[in-house]
C-alpha cells in the first residue's frame, strides 16, 4: 500500500513539474546525447510525455520556449497600466468610468479593464473614512494645540473631565445595509429596507467622564441652549462634582466649541464657579476620547435583539449601556491621549487615525 501511495505522489509530482528554460536545453542535450525520453524524464522528475513534446517542439521550431498562449492579447501596455494607477492616485474619489474617460487611450478599453488594472496594483474601491473637513486655519489651530499639550503626562490628563453631546436614532441609516437576494427581486417586500423620516426620532444625551469617574448621563429635552446647558448640566452635575475635590487637585473641564458651550452666560458661570477649562481647537473630535464611548454605545444598541421599538426603550437602552461601560476602558481611552497628541503634532494638525 505504501509503495502504491509513493508511486501516486511521485507521478503527480512529475506531472505538475514545469521545466525551466535552462532545464529544457539540458534535456535536449541529454536526448541528443543518446538518452531516451524516459531516462531524461526520470532525471528531471517529470512525466515522459513532457520530454516527448519538448523534443517535437525543438525539431519543429529549433527552440524550447512555450508557444504563444491562445486568447485575446492585453488591451493595455505596461506604460498605460502605470498611467491608470497614477490617475487613480491623483483622483482617488473618481469612479472607474470617470478614470477611463480621462485617459487618452480610454476609448479602446472598458471600465472593467480599468478595474482589473487597479486590482492588479493592489487598489480597490472601499468606503472612505469620514472626518470633519479641515481648512488650513483648522490645521494650524490643531497643530498649535498639540504643541501646547505635547508635554502633558498621564498624571495631567487624568484630571481632565471629557464631555460631549451625542444623538442616537431609533432607526439609524448609515448606508451600510446590504441584502442577500437573487436578480430581479429587489422590490420584494422582504428585500426592501423601510425608512422613516429623521431616523424615526432619536435621543440626545450629554455625558462626562474622567480617568477615575463617570458622571450620570443627562437626557436632553429639545434643543440645547446656553441657558439649558448652564442650568441643567453644569450647575447640577459638573460644579458639585468639582467642588468635592481639593483646590490643589481640582479637575479640568473639557467641552467643544458648540455654540451653547461658548455662550456668554456659560462662560461667565464657569468663571464664577472657578471651573478650569482647557482650550479646544475646532473640528477636533479625534482628540476627545468620549467619541469612542458614543460609537461603542451606538453599536451595542444596534446589536440588541429585539431592537428598541420606541423612544422610551431607546432612552433606557442608552442609559443602561452608559452605566455598564467599564471604567477600565475609560482609563485606557485617557491613557491614549499622549499618543493622540503626538500623532496630531506629527501630522501638523492634519487627520489622525483616532
Protein backbone atom coordinates (compact mmCIF):
# COMPACT_ATOMS: atom_id res chain seq x y z
CA UNK A 1 0.00 0.00 0.00
CA UNK A 2 2.81 2.42 0.89
CA UNK A 3 4.53 1.70 -2.41
CA UNK A 4 1.31 2.46 -4.29
CA UNK A 5 0.87 5.77 -2.46
CA UNK A 6 4.51 6.68 -3.04
CA UNK A 7 4.11 5.99 -6.75
CA UNK A 8 0.95 8.13 -6.91
CA UNK A 9 2.61 11.06 -5.13
CA UNK A 10 5.70 10.69 -7.31
CA UNK A 11 3.62 10.57 -10.50
CA UNK A 12 1.56 13.63 -9.55
CA UNK A 13 4.76 15.45 -8.59
CA UNK A 14 6.17 14.71 -12.03
CA UNK A 15 3.03 15.86 -13.83
CA UNK A 16 2.89 19.17 -12.01
CA UNK A 17 6.58 19.94 -12.52
CA UNK A 18 7.41 22.62 -15.08
CA UNK A 19 10.88 22.75 -16.59
CA UNK A 20 12.77 26.00 -16.64
CA UNK A 21 14.33 27.21 -19.90
CA UNK A 22 17.87 26.09 -18.88
CA UNK A 23 16.49 22.67 -17.89
CA UNK A 24 14.77 22.37 -21.27
CA UNK A 25 18.03 22.99 -23.12
CA UNK A 26 19.75 20.49 -20.83
CA UNK A 27 17.04 17.92 -21.62
CA UNK A 28 17.54 18.49 -25.37
CA UNK A 29 21.26 17.97 -24.94
CA UNK A 30 20.77 14.75 -22.97
CA UNK A 31 18.37 13.36 -25.58
CA UNK A 32 20.71 14.28 -28.44
CA UNK A 33 23.49 12.59 -26.46
CA UNK A 34 21.70 9.26 -26.56
CA UNK A 35 19.39 9.26 -23.55
CA UNK A 36 15.85 8.03 -24.10
CA UNK A 37 12.79 10.14 -23.43
CA UNK A 38 12.05 8.16 -20.28
CA UNK A 39 15.62 8.44 -18.95
CA UNK A 40 15.56 12.20 -19.44
CA UNK A 41 12.13 12.42 -17.79
CA UNK A 42 13.30 10.42 -14.79
CA UNK A 43 16.31 12.69 -14.43
CA UNK A 44 14.13 15.80 -14.19
CA UNK A 45 11.30 14.04 -12.31
CA UNK A 46 8.67 14.85 -14.94
CA UNK A 47 6.31 12.74 -16.99
CA UNK A 48 7.99 11.40 -20.12
CA UNK A 49 5.25 12.95 -22.32
CA UNK A 50 6.63 16.37 -21.40
CA UNK A 51 10.01 15.40 -22.83
CA UNK A 52 8.35 13.96 -25.95
CA UNK A 53 6.51 17.23 -26.63
CA UNK A 54 9.64 19.23 -25.84
CA UNK A 55 11.66 17.35 -28.45
CA UNK A 56 8.87 17.67 -31.01
CA UNK A 57 8.80 21.43 -30.48
CA UNK A 58 12.60 21.61 -30.76
CA UNK A 59 12.62 19.69 -34.05
CA UNK A 60 9.82 21.86 -35.48
CA UNK A 61 10.97 25.31 -34.32
CA UNK A 62 14.55 24.91 -33.15
CA UNK A 63 13.52 26.48 -29.83
CA UNK A 64 12.33 25.30 -26.42
CA UNK A 65 10.18 28.27 -25.33
CA UNK A 66 6.43 27.91 -24.98
CA UNK A 67 4.24 28.71 -27.93
CA UNK A 68 2.17 31.91 -27.66
CA UNK A 69 -0.87 31.35 -25.49
CA UNK A 70 -4.30 31.31 -27.04
CA UNK A 71 -6.67 34.14 -26.26
CA UNK A 72 -7.02 37.83 -26.81
CA UNK A 73 -3.91 39.99 -26.24
CA UNK A 74 -3.85 42.53 -23.42
CA UNK A 75 -5.64 45.77 -24.18
CA UNK A 76 -3.11 47.92 -22.36
CA UNK A 77 0.65 48.22 -22.32
CA UNK A 78 2.72 48.33 -19.11
CA UNK A 79 3.09 52.09 -19.60
CA UNK A 80 -0.69 52.50 -19.86
CA UNK A 81 -1.14 50.36 -16.74
CA UNK A 82 1.13 52.74 -14.83
CA UNK A 83 -0.83 55.72 -16.15
CA UNK A 84 -4.12 54.21 -14.96
CA UNK A 85 -2.64 53.70 -11.49
CA UNK A 86 -1.23 57.24 -11.44
CA UNK A 87 -4.57 58.79 -12.39
CA UNK A 88 -6.34 56.83 -9.65
CA UNK A 89 -3.88 58.14 -7.08
CA UNK A 90 -4.34 61.68 -8.34
CA UNK A 91 -8.14 61.38 -8.27
CA UNK A 92 -8.91 58.76 -5.60
CA UNK A 93 -12.64 59.58 -5.44
CA UNK A 94 -13.22 59.15 -9.18
CA UNK A 95 -15.21 56.19 -10.45
CA UNK A 96 -13.58 53.68 -12.78
CA UNK A 97 -15.73 55.06 -15.59
CA UNK A 98 -14.54 58.61 -14.89
CA UNK A 99 -10.91 57.47 -14.83
CA UNK A 100 -11.41 55.73 -18.16
CA UNK A 101 -12.91 58.89 -19.64
CA UNK A 102 -9.89 60.94 -18.56
CA UNK A 103 -7.39 58.65 -20.30
CA UNK A 104 -6.22 59.44 -23.82
CA UNK A 105 -6.43 55.75 -24.71
CA UNK A 106 -9.67 55.19 -22.77
CA UNK A 107 -11.70 54.78 -25.93
CA UNK A 108 -10.33 51.31 -26.68
CA UNK A 109 -10.64 49.84 -23.17
CA UNK A 110 -13.64 49.07 -20.98
CA UNK A 111 -14.38 50.21 -17.46
CA UNK A 112 -13.90 46.63 -16.33
CA UNK A 113 -10.36 46.69 -17.75
CA UNK A 114 -9.59 49.78 -15.68
CA UNK A 115 -10.89 47.99 -12.57
CA UNK A 116 -8.76 44.91 -13.29
CA UNK A 117 -5.63 47.02 -13.76
CA UNK A 118 -6.26 48.81 -10.47
CA UNK A 119 -6.84 45.50 -8.69
CA UNK A 120 -3.53 44.26 -10.07
CA UNK A 121 -1.90 47.32 -8.48
CA UNK A 122 -3.49 46.45 -5.12
CA UNK A 123 -6.06 49.26 -5.32
CA UNK A 124 -9.72 48.54 -4.55
CA UNK A 125 -12.74 50.77 -4.10
CA UNK A 126 -13.52 50.99 -0.38
CA UNK A 127 -15.69 53.15 1.84
CA UNK A 128 -13.74 56.28 2.81
CA UNK A 129 -13.26 57.30 6.41
CA UNK A 130 -15.45 60.30 7.20
CA UNK A 131 -13.94 63.19 9.13
CA UNK A 132 -14.80 66.89 9.54
CA UNK A 133 -13.44 68.97 6.69
CA UNK A 134 -10.23 70.65 7.85
CA UNK A 135 -9.26 74.04 6.50
CA UNK A 136 -5.75 75.45 6.74
CA UNK A 137 -6.88 77.52 9.71
CA UNK A 138 -8.18 74.40 11.46
CA UNK A 139 -4.90 72.59 10.86
CA UNK A 140 -2.86 75.46 12.28
CA UNK A 141 -5.06 75.64 15.38
CA UNK A 142 -4.88 71.89 15.90
CA UNK A 143 -1.12 71.89 15.49
CA UNK A 144 -0.71 74.75 17.98
CA UNK A 145 -2.94 72.93 20.45
CA UNK A 146 -0.93 69.72 20.10
CA UNK A 147 2.29 71.68 20.59
CA UNK A 148 0.95 73.22 23.82
CA UNK A 149 -0.13 69.82 25.20
CA UNK A 150 2.73 67.68 23.92
CA UNK A 151 4.41 67.62 27.31
CA UNK A 152 1.33 66.60 29.28
CA UNK A 153 1.69 63.29 31.10
CA UNK A 154 -0.99 60.81 32.08
CA UNK A 155 -0.97 62.37 35.53
CA UNK A 156 -2.17 65.63 33.98
CA UNK A 157 -4.61 64.06 31.52
CA UNK A 158 -6.31 62.08 34.28
CA UNK A 159 -7.51 65.37 35.80
CA UNK A 160 -9.44 66.25 32.64
CA UNK A 161 -13.17 65.58 32.54
CA UNK A 162 -14.25 64.89 28.97
CA UNK A 163 -17.76 65.90 27.95
CA UNK A 164 -19.89 65.98 24.84
CA UNK A 165 -23.40 65.51 23.49
CA UNK A 166 -24.47 62.75 21.14
CA UNK A 167 -27.70 61.86 19.36
CA UNK A 168 -28.87 58.28 18.90
CA UNK A 169 -31.54 57.50 16.30
CA UNK A 170 -34.27 54.93 16.74
CA UNK A 171 -33.80 53.80 13.13
CA UNK A 172 -30.23 54.65 12.18
CA UNK A 173 -29.41 54.59 8.48
CA UNK A 174 -25.71 54.84 7.69
CA UNK A 175 -25.86 53.48 4.12
CA UNK A 176 -24.10 50.24 5.03
CA UNK A 177 -27.10 47.90 4.93
CA UNK A 178 -26.89 45.00 2.46
CA UNK A 179 -29.47 42.41 1.40
CA UNK A 180 -28.85 38.91 0.04
CA UNK A 181 -31.18 38.38 -2.90
CA UNK A 182 -31.40 36.97 -6.40
CA UNK A 183 -31.60 39.07 -9.53
CA UNK A 184 -34.87 40.88 -10.29
CA UNK A 185 -36.12 40.52 -6.70
CA UNK A 186 -35.20 43.99 -5.43
CA UNK A 187 -38.84 45.05 -4.98
CA UNK A 188 -39.97 42.06 -2.94
CA UNK A 189 -41.33 43.18 0.43
CA UNK A 190 -38.74 41.22 2.38
CA UNK A 191 -35.92 42.80 0.34
CA UNK A 192 -36.91 46.42 1.00
CA UNK A 193 -35.38 48.37 3.88
CA UNK A 194 -38.09 50.62 5.24
CA UNK A 195 -37.01 54.13 6.21
CA UNK A 196 -38.58 56.73 8.47
CA UNK A 197 -38.19 60.49 8.46
CA UNK A 198 -35.25 61.67 10.57
CA UNK A 199 -34.43 58.11 11.59
CA UNK A 200 -37.76 57.65 13.38
CA UNK A 201 -36.78 60.17 16.02
CA UNK A 202 -33.94 59.96 18.47
CA UNK A 203 -32.50 60.73 21.88
CA UNK A 204 -29.82 63.34 22.58
CA UNK A 205 -27.69 62.88 25.68
CA UNK A 206 -24.86 64.66 27.46
CA UNK A 207 -22.11 62.66 29.11
CA UNK A 208 -18.91 63.30 31.01
CA UNK A 209 -16.14 61.06 32.31
CA UNK A 210 -12.58 61.16 33.58
CA UNK A 211 -9.87 58.67 34.43
CA UNK A 212 -11.45 57.96 37.83
CA UNK A 213 -15.17 58.57 37.42
CA UNK A 214 -18.20 58.74 35.18
CA UNK A 215 -20.94 61.32 35.77
CA UNK A 216 -24.61 60.46 35.37
CA UNK A 217 -25.83 60.68 31.81
CA UNK A 218 -28.25 63.53 31.12
CA UNK A 219 -31.02 63.19 28.52
CA UNK A 220 -31.69 66.49 26.77
CA UNK A 221 -35.24 67.70 26.26
CA UNK A 222 -35.33 69.55 22.95
CA UNK A 223 -32.52 71.65 21.56
CA UNK A 224 -29.64 72.62 23.81
CA UNK A 225 -29.25 76.32 24.55
CA UNK A 226 -26.71 78.17 26.63
CA UNK A 227 -29.20 78.61 29.46
CA UNK A 228 -30.20 74.92 29.44
CA UNK A 229 -26.54 73.95 29.38
CA UNK A 230 -25.85 76.10 32.43
CA UNK A 231 -28.98 75.27 34.42
CA UNK A 232 -29.46 71.57 33.59
CA UNK A 233 -25.91 70.33 33.03
CA UNK A 234 -23.19 72.49 34.55
CA UNK A 235 -24.91 73.72 37.71
CA UNK A 236 -26.42 70.43 38.95
CA UNK A 237 -23.78 68.00 37.66
CA UNK A 238 -20.37 69.45 36.89
CA UNK A 239 -19.93 72.11 39.58
CA UNK A 240 -20.97 69.94 42.58
CA UNK A 241 -18.64 67.20 41.40
CA UNK A 242 -15.74 69.62 41.02
CA UNK A 243 -16.43 71.14 44.44
CA UNK A 244 -15.85 67.74 46.03
CA UNK A 245 -12.16 67.97 45.09
CA UNK A 246 -9.48 69.83 46.95
CA UNK A 247 -8.44 73.11 45.37
CA UNK A 248 -4.95 71.80 44.60
CA UNK A 249 -6.41 68.72 42.94
CA UNK A 250 -9.35 70.43 41.24
CA UNK A 251 -10.22 68.83 37.87
CA UNK A 252 -10.17 70.47 34.46
CA UNK A 253 -13.24 70.55 32.27
CA UNK A 254 -13.31 69.93 28.53
CA UNK A 255 -16.14 70.77 26.17
CA UNK A 256 -16.01 71.59 22.48
CA UNK A 257 -16.81 74.82 20.67
CA UNK A 258 -20.52 74.20 20.15
CA UNK A 259 -22.49 77.45 20.34
CA UNK A 260 -24.27 76.64 23.66
CA UNK A 261 -20.91 75.81 25.26
CA UNK A 262 -19.43 79.17 24.30
CA UNK A 263 -22.45 81.29 25.20
CA UNK A 264 -21.61 84.34 27.31
CA UNK A 265 -23.78 83.23 30.24
CA UNK A 266 -21.99 79.87 30.24
CA UNK A 267 -18.50 81.37 30.21
CA UNK A 268 -19.44 83.80 32.97
CA UNK A 269 -20.88 80.97 35.06
CA UNK A 270 -17.75 78.81 34.70
CA UNK A 271 -15.52 81.70 35.74
CA UNK A 272 -17.75 82.48 38.68
CA UNK A 273 -17.62 78.86 39.86
CA UNK A 274 -13.83 78.66 39.30
CA UNK A 275 -14.17 75.77 36.86
CA UNK A 276 -10.89 75.47 34.99
CA UNK A 277 -11.40 74.65 31.31
CA UNK A 278 -8.93 73.65 28.65
CA UNK A 279 -8.90 75.42 25.28
CA UNK A 280 -10.22 73.36 22.42
CA UNK A 281 -9.40 73.54 18.70
CA UNK A 282 -12.32 73.47 16.28
CA UNK A 283 -13.03 70.33 14.26
CA UNK A 284 -11.19 68.03 16.67
CA UNK A 285 -13.46 65.14 17.70
CA UNK A 286 -10.47 62.81 17.25
CA UNK A 287 -8.89 64.40 20.33
CA UNK A 288 -11.94 63.79 22.52
CA UNK A 289 -11.95 60.17 23.76
CA UNK A 290 -15.65 60.29 24.61
CA UNK A 291 -16.36 59.92 20.88
CA UNK A 292 -15.25 56.30 21.18
CA UNK A 293 -17.75 55.82 24.00
CA UNK A 294 -20.60 57.11 21.85
CA UNK A 295 -19.56 54.87 18.98
CA UNK A 296 -19.42 51.83 21.27
CA UNK A 297 -22.84 52.56 22.79
CA UNK A 298 -24.35 53.05 19.34
CA UNK A 299 -23.04 49.70 18.13
CA UNK A 300 -24.23 47.91 21.26
CA UNK A 301 -27.73 49.33 20.83
CA UNK A 302 -27.83 48.36 17.14
CA UNK A 303 -26.82 44.81 18.10
CA UNK A 304 -29.66 44.41 20.58
CA UNK A 305 -32.22 41.76 19.83
CA UNK A 306 -35.05 42.63 19.89
CA UNK A 307 -34.46 46.16 18.65
CA UNK A 308 -35.73 49.21 20.50
CA UNK A 309 -39.29 49.83 19.33
CA UNK A 310 -39.86 53.36 20.63
CA UNK A 311 -38.10 56.38 22.08
CA UNK A 312 -38.62 55.26 25.68
CA UNK A 313 -36.92 51.92 25.02
CA UNK A 314 -34.07 53.69 23.22
CA UNK A 315 -33.59 56.08 26.14
CA UNK A 316 -33.49 53.19 28.60
CA UNK A 317 -31.00 51.29 26.44
CA UNK A 318 -28.65 54.28 26.21
CA UNK A 319 -28.70 54.79 29.98
CA UNK A 320 -28.02 51.08 30.55
CA UNK A 321 -25.09 50.97 28.15
CA UNK A 322 -23.59 54.10 29.72
CA UNK A 323 -23.83 52.64 33.20
CA UNK A 324 -22.36 49.32 32.08
CA UNK A 325 -19.42 50.88 30.25
CA UNK A 326 -16.40 49.66 32.25
CA UNK A 327 -14.22 52.25 33.95
CA UNK A 328 -11.08 50.41 32.90
CA UNK A 329 -11.94 51.04 29.25
CA UNK A 330 -12.35 54.72 30.08
CA UNK A 331 -8.91 54.69 31.66
CA UNK A 332 -7.43 53.18 28.51
CA UNK A 333 -9.01 55.96 26.48
CA UNK A 334 -7.45 58.58 28.74
CA UNK A 335 -4.07 56.85 28.51
CA UNK A 336 -4.30 57.16 24.73
CA UNK A 337 -4.15 60.96 24.95
CA UNK A 338 -0.36 61.11 24.87
CA UNK A 339 -0.38 59.07 21.65
CA UNK A 340 -3.20 61.15 20.17
CA UNK A 341 -1.42 64.44 20.80
CA UNK A 342 1.87 63.08 19.49
CA UNK A 343 0.25 61.87 16.28
CA UNK A 344 -1.61 65.15 15.82
CA UNK A 345 1.66 67.02 16.24
CA UNK A 346 3.44 64.71 13.79
CA UNK A 347 0.61 65.23 11.28
CA UNK A 348 0.97 69.00 11.81
CA UNK A 349 -2.70 69.33 12.69
CA UNK A 350 -3.94 67.01 9.96
CA UNK A 351 -6.15 63.95 10.20
CA UNK A 352 -5.27 61.24 12.71
CA UNK A 353 -6.35 57.62 12.95
CA UNK A 354 -8.47 58.30 16.04
